[in-house]
Protein backbone atom coordinates (compact mmCIF):
# COMPACT_ATOMS: atom_id res chain seq x y z
CA UNK A 1 -0.01 -0.01 -0.01
CA UNK A 2 1.33 3.46 -0.89
CA UNK A 3 0.11 6.96 -0.29
CA UNK A 4 -2.33 7.41 -3.18
CA UNK A 5 -3.81 10.67 -4.45
CA UNK A 6 -6.41 10.84 -1.68
CA UNK A 7 -3.93 10.39 1.16
CA UNK A 8 -1.38 12.58 -0.63
CA UNK A 9 -3.87 15.43 -0.85
CA UNK A 10 -4.72 14.98 2.85
CA UNK A 11 -1.05 15.14 3.80
CA UNK A 12 -0.57 18.21 1.55
CA UNK A 13 -3.39 19.96 3.34
CA UNK A 14 -2.23 19.02 6.84
CA UNK A 15 1.36 20.13 6.23
CA UNK A 16 0.18 23.45 4.89
CA UNK A 17 -1.94 23.79 8.03
CA UNK A 18 1.16 23.08 10.17
CA UNK A 19 3.15 25.71 8.33
CA UNK A 20 0.39 28.27 8.81
CA UNK A 21 0.37 28.03 12.60
CA UNK A 22 1.25 31.07 14.67
CA UNK A 23 4.45 31.74 16.57
CA UNK A 24 6.78 28.87 17.28
CA UNK A 25 4.17 26.20 16.51
CA UNK A 26 4.99 26.08 12.84
CA UNK A 27 8.71 25.54 13.49
CA UNK A 28 8.08 22.88 16.16
CA UNK A 29 5.69 20.99 13.92
CA UNK A 30 7.91 20.91 10.85
CA UNK A 31 11.10 20.19 12.77
CA UNK A 32 9.46 17.34 14.67
CA UNK A 33 8.37 15.79 11.35
CA UNK A 34 11.89 16.24 10.00
CA UNK A 35 13.52 14.51 12.95
CA UNK A 36 11.04 11.64 13.07
CA UNK A 37 11.21 10.97 9.35
CA UNK A 38 15.03 11.33 8.94
CA UNK A 39 16.46 10.06 12.23
CA UNK A 40 18.74 7.04 12.09
CA UNK A 41 16.60 5.24 14.64
CA UNK A 42 13.29 5.84 16.42
CA UNK A 43 13.60 8.74 18.88
CA UNK A 44 12.37 8.58 22.43
CA UNK A 45 10.02 11.34 23.51
CA UNK A 46 12.64 13.02 25.71
CA UNK A 47 15.26 12.86 22.94
CA UNK A 48 12.99 14.60 20.43
CA UNK A 49 11.96 17.28 22.93
CA UNK A 50 15.60 18.08 23.70
CA UNK A 51 16.48 18.17 20.01
CA UNK A 52 13.79 20.80 19.45
CA UNK A 53 15.05 22.83 22.44
CA UNK A 54 18.53 23.41 20.98
CA UNK A 55 19.35 26.89 19.67
CA UNK A 56 21.67 26.51 16.68
CA UNK A 57 25.18 27.70 17.45
CA UNK A 58 24.50 28.45 21.10
CA UNK A 59 27.11 27.40 23.67
CA UNK A 60 24.42 27.06 26.31
CA UNK A 61 21.70 24.41 26.34
CA UNK A 62 18.58 25.22 28.23
CA UNK A 63 16.39 22.18 28.92
CA UNK A 64 13.65 24.58 29.92
CA UNK A 65 13.11 25.28 26.21
CA UNK A 66 12.03 21.71 25.55
CA UNK A 67 8.37 21.54 24.47
CA UNK A 68 5.93 19.21 26.18
CA UNK A 69 4.62 16.10 24.43
CA UNK A 70 1.14 17.54 24.26
CA UNK A 71 2.53 20.66 22.56
CA UNK A 72 4.35 18.53 19.97
CA UNK A 73 1.26 16.47 19.22
CA UNK A 74 -0.75 19.62 18.78
CA UNK A 75 1.83 21.33 16.55
CA UNK A 76 1.99 18.31 14.28
CA UNK A 77 -1.78 18.34 13.68
CA UNK A 78 -2.25 14.61 14.15
CA UNK A 79 0.64 13.49 11.95
CA UNK A 80 2.68 12.00 14.82
CA UNK A 81 1.86 9.75 17.72
CA UNK A 82 3.60 8.30 20.77
CA UNK A 83 4.27 4.56 20.90
CA UNK A 84 3.45 3.99 24.55
CA UNK A 85 5.16 0.60 24.70
CA UNK A 86 8.49 1.72 23.21
CA UNK A 87 8.16 5.33 24.49
CA UNK A 88 9.17 6.58 21.06
CA UNK A 89 7.58 9.12 18.72
CA UNK A 90 6.58 7.95 15.26
CA UNK A 91 4.63 9.08 12.22
CA UNK A 92 0.91 8.29 12.29
CA UNK A 93 1.12 5.86 9.37
CA UNK A 94 3.78 4.31 7.15
CA UNK A 95 2.24 6.02 4.12
CA UNK A 96 3.24 9.38 5.62
CA UNK A 97 6.91 8.24 5.50
CA UNK A 98 6.38 7.32 1.82
CA UNK A 99 4.79 10.71 1.16
CA UNK A 100 7.66 12.60 2.83
CA UNK A 101 10.24 10.52 0.93
CA UNK A 102 8.44 11.34 -2.32
CA UNK A 103 8.49 15.05 -1.53
CA UNK A 104 12.10 15.78 -0.47
CA UNK A 105 11.63 19.54 -0.95
CA UNK A 106 9.41 19.71 2.14
CA UNK A 107 12.56 19.94 4.29
CA UNK A 108 15.63 21.95 3.32
CA UNK A 109 18.75 19.79 3.59
CA UNK A 110 17.44 17.82 6.61
CA UNK A 111 20.60 15.80 7.35
CA UNK A 112 22.72 18.93 7.35
CA UNK A 113 20.27 20.66 9.68
CA UNK A 114 20.29 17.66 11.99
CA UNK A 115 24.10 17.52 12.01
CA UNK A 116 24.18 21.21 12.96
CA UNK A 117 21.81 20.62 15.87
CA UNK A 118 23.74 17.54 17.09
CA UNK A 119 27.07 19.40 16.88
CA UNK A 120 25.69 22.43 18.69
CA UNK A 121 24.61 20.10 21.49
CA UNK A 122 28.01 18.36 21.64
CA UNK A 123 29.79 21.76 21.71
CA UNK A 124 27.62 23.08 24.53
CA UNK A 125 29.12 23.94 27.90
CA UNK A 126 26.87 21.35 29.56
CA UNK A 127 28.29 18.51 27.46
CA UNK A 128 31.86 19.77 27.80
CA UNK A 129 31.43 19.72 31.59
CA UNK A 130 30.41 16.05 31.40
CA UNK A 131 33.42 15.30 29.22
CA UNK A 132 35.80 16.31 31.97
CA UNK A 133 34.07 14.20 34.62
CA UNK A 134 35.39 10.69 35.35
CA UNK A 135 31.90 9.41 36.27
CA UNK A 136 29.45 11.80 34.59
CA UNK A 137 25.74 11.81 35.21
CA UNK A 138 24.13 11.84 31.75
CA UNK A 139 20.57 11.21 32.97
CA UNK A 140 19.57 14.83 32.36
CA UNK A 141 21.04 14.83 28.83
CA UNK A 142 18.88 12.26 27.03
CA UNK A 143 19.82 13.49 23.56
CA UNK A 144 23.56 12.97 24.16
CA UNK A 145 23.71 9.33 23.01
CA UNK A 146 21.98 10.03 19.67
CA UNK A 147 24.14 13.06 18.94
CA UNK A 148 27.32 11.22 19.75
CA UNK A 149 26.60 8.20 17.59
CA UNK A 150 24.88 9.81 14.63
CA UNK A 151 26.14 13.38 14.13
CA UNK A 152 28.80 12.11 11.73
CA UNK A 153 26.29 9.97 9.81
CA UNK A 154 24.13 13.03 9.13
CA UNK A 155 27.16 15.23 8.33
CA UNK A 156 28.52 12.70 5.86
CA UNK A 157 25.20 12.73 4.00
CA UNK A 158 24.94 16.51 3.83
CA UNK A 159 27.61 18.89 5.08
CA UNK A 160 26.80 22.58 5.21
CA UNK A 161 29.41 25.28 5.91
CA UNK A 162 27.84 25.67 9.35
CA UNK A 163 28.07 21.96 10.14
CA UNK A 164 31.67 21.91 8.91
CA UNK A 165 32.58 24.80 11.25
CA UNK A 166 30.80 23.19 14.20
CA UNK A 167 32.52 19.86 13.47
CA UNK A 168 35.94 21.53 13.44
CA UNK A 169 35.10 23.30 16.71
CA UNK A 170 34.26 19.91 18.27
CA UNK A 171 37.16 17.94 16.83
CA UNK A 172 39.92 20.42 17.53
CA UNK A 173 39.21 20.07 21.25
CA UNK A 174 38.24 16.38 21.23
CA UNK A 175 40.53 14.86 23.85
CA UNK A 176 38.44 13.12 26.53
CA UNK A 177 35.17 14.18 24.90
CA UNK A 178 32.35 12.09 26.33
CA UNK A 179 30.82 11.34 22.91
CA UNK A 180 33.35 8.58 22.21
CA UNK A 181 32.02 6.57 25.13
CA UNK A 182 28.70 6.35 23.31
CA UNK A 183 30.28 5.63 19.91
CA UNK A 184 32.18 2.66 21.30
CA UNK A 185 29.34 1.35 23.42
CA UNK A 186 27.24 0.34 20.44
CA UNK A 187 26.45 -3.39 20.10
CA UNK A 188 28.54 -3.68 16.92
CA UNK A 189 31.51 -1.85 18.41
CA UNK A 190 34.86 -3.64 18.62
CA UNK A 191 35.55 -1.71 21.83
CA UNK A 192 32.38 -2.58 23.75
CA UNK A 193 33.16 -3.43 27.36
CA UNK A 194 36.92 -3.26 26.62
CA UNK A 195 37.55 0.39 27.19
CA UNK A 196 36.42 3.30 29.33
CA UNK A 197 37.25 6.81 28.11
CA UNK A 198 38.46 8.19 24.83
CA UNK A 199 40.65 5.86 22.77
CA UNK A 200 41.45 8.73 20.38
CA UNK A 201 44.04 11.36 21.18
CA UNK A 202 42.53 13.82 18.64
CA UNK A 203 39.55 14.46 16.38
CA UNK A 204 41.19 13.27 13.13
CA UNK A 205 40.41 9.71 14.14
CA UNK A 206 36.74 10.59 14.70
CA UNK A 207 36.36 12.42 11.37
CA UNK A 208 37.98 9.43 9.59
CA UNK A 209 35.78 7.01 11.50
CA UNK A 210 32.65 8.77 10.18
CA UNK A 211 34.23 9.31 6.74
CA UNK A 212 33.58 13.05 6.52
CA UNK A 213 36.23 13.79 3.87
CA UNK A 214 35.97 17.65 3.88
CA UNK A 215 36.45 17.71 7.66
CA UNK A 216 39.35 15.23 7.44
CA UNK A 217 40.98 17.47 4.81
CA UNK A 218 40.51 20.58 6.93
CA UNK A 219 42.02 18.97 10.02
CA UNK A 220 45.05 17.75 8.03
CA UNK A 221 45.55 21.23 6.63
CA UNK A 222 45.91 22.58 10.17
CA UNK A 223 49.21 20.67 10.28
CA UNK A 224 48.96 19.68 13.93
CA UNK A 225 48.04 16.01 13.58
CA UNK A 226 50.19 12.92 13.02
CA UNK A 227 48.41 11.33 10.06
CA UNK A 228 50.14 8.02 10.83
CA UNK A 229 49.51 8.19 14.56
CA UNK A 230 47.92 5.12 16.16
CA UNK A 231 45.14 4.96 18.71
CA UNK A 232 44.41 2.48 21.51
CA UNK A 233 44.05 -0.41 19.06
CA UNK A 234 46.92 0.60 16.79
CA UNK A 235 44.47 2.06 14.22
CA UNK A 236 45.50 5.04 12.12
CA UNK A 237 42.91 7.46 10.72
CA UNK A 238 43.30 5.65 7.35
CA UNK A 239 42.65 2.29 9.08
CA UNK A 240 39.37 3.64 10.49
CA UNK A 241 38.26 4.91 7.09
CA UNK A 242 39.10 1.55 5.49
CA UNK A 243 37.47 -0.43 8.34
CA UNK A 244 34.19 1.52 7.92
CA UNK A 245 34.17 1.59 4.09
CA UNK A 246 34.58 5.29 3.47
CA UNK A 247 35.87 5.36 -0.12
CA UNK A 248 36.28 9.15 -0.46
CA UNK A 249 38.15 9.49 2.81
CA UNK A 250 40.42 6.55 1.96
CA UNK A 251 41.29 8.22 -1.36
CA UNK A 252 42.00 11.51 0.40
CA UNK A 253 44.33 9.96 2.97
CA UNK A 254 46.08 7.80 0.36
CA UNK A 255 46.89 11.01 -1.51
CA UNK A 256 49.27 12.02 1.28
CA UNK A 257 52.89 11.13 0.60
CA UNK A 258 53.62 10.13 4.18
CA UNK A 259 50.93 7.42 4.27
CA UNK A 260 51.96 3.78 3.73
CA UNK A 261 48.85 1.71 2.90
CA UNK A 262 50.72 -1.62 3.00
CA UNK A 263 52.05 -1.32 6.56
CA UNK A 264 50.35 -3.84 8.92
CA UNK A 265 49.16 -3.06 12.43
CA UNK A 266 50.49 -4.75 15.58
CA UNK A 267 48.39 -7.85 14.81
CA UNK A 268 49.69 -8.09 11.29
CA UNK A 269 46.39 -6.86 9.80
CA UNK A 270 46.64 -4.64 6.75
CA UNK A 271 44.19 -2.03 5.52
CA UNK A 272 43.24 -4.45 2.77
CA UNK A 273 42.38 -7.19 5.23
CA UNK A 274 40.31 -4.73 7.33
CA UNK A 275 38.30 -3.63 4.31
CA UNK A 276 37.88 -7.17 2.96
CA UNK A 277 36.81 -8.53 6.34
CA UNK A 278 34.03 -5.97 6.53
CA UNK A 279 32.90 -6.41 2.92
CA UNK A 280 33.87 -2.95 1.64
CA UNK A 281 34.37 -3.69 -2.04
CA UNK A 282 35.02 -0.04 -3.01
CA UNK A 283 37.85 0.33 -0.51
CA UNK A 284 39.31 -3.05 -1.50
CA UNK A 285 39.39 -1.97 -5.17
CA UNK A 286 41.08 1.34 -4.23
CA UNK A 287 43.75 -0.41 -2.13
CA UNK A 288 44.49 -3.03 -4.77
CA UNK A 289 45.39 -0.14 -7.03
CA UNK A 290 48.22 0.92 -4.69
CA UNK A 291 51.69 -0.39 -5.46
CA UNK A 292 52.53 -0.87 -1.78
CA UNK A 293 49.56 -3.20 -1.13
CA UNK A 294 49.89 -6.97 -1.44
CA UNK A 295 46.74 -9.11 -1.35
CA UNK A 296 48.82 -12.11 -0.14
CA UNK A 297 50.39 -10.47 2.91
CA UNK A 298 49.59 -12.70 5.93
CA UNK A 299 48.66 -11.50 9.43
CA UNK A 300 50.28 -12.85 12.64
CA UNK A 301 48.08 -15.97 12.37
CA UNK A 302 49.26 -16.67 8.84
């Protein structure tokens, strides 16, 4: 079932009604729809409310600006609902997601806008204060986990000048930033339960991990990073880009004279083996085109 002409017209009308609301209601309604329809996972009610409370570019986060659930439901004119079992906010029907996907002009560069909001949050004084605490209380910052794990995903999809500046602000002062604890506490993370604290000494690792090539390039141009430096696991920025399948970032880093793509890590793993192990065909193809890369080089286990 898809959103046919009848439903499409109904959604057209409702969205125009949302936009026509007075004061802050129009912004809240449209931004809530943007977050729900473009988020990387379902958002809890408190996460969405905090996302909508953030003032772009502000160094201070005021939780008092967060709208109530009833306000959100009213501003969205019946297009969203709360899943009471999962405590998440979702669109009223799957056909609304189809409608929004078919009308991408409804939101202006949504992933870039979401990256800007996430980065503003991570750059706030409240989050920075948590970053310096050995046992931080994050219970009052429910949006922190989402921002930490997904800001780079949104920024990689769409990177505005504003998001680039905010990313550089974050990554140039990244030592001990609390966001890495969330990145490496994901179920698929190689570091889960193995490490507490920041395994990265600087933000170049993080930008390479997410594969945000323009930010990687900007950090390298600053000239204050060891491009071949290794983190807790012996991973270089290039190793992270290869491990996560970021073709453009891999090409960028391989373009640096000082980078040796054939050099194995302390376990004998090469960049080629990392990319192949994770099924990243694009990166494998790029690496096989390098003269210093041998597909037959064994690791420590042979």
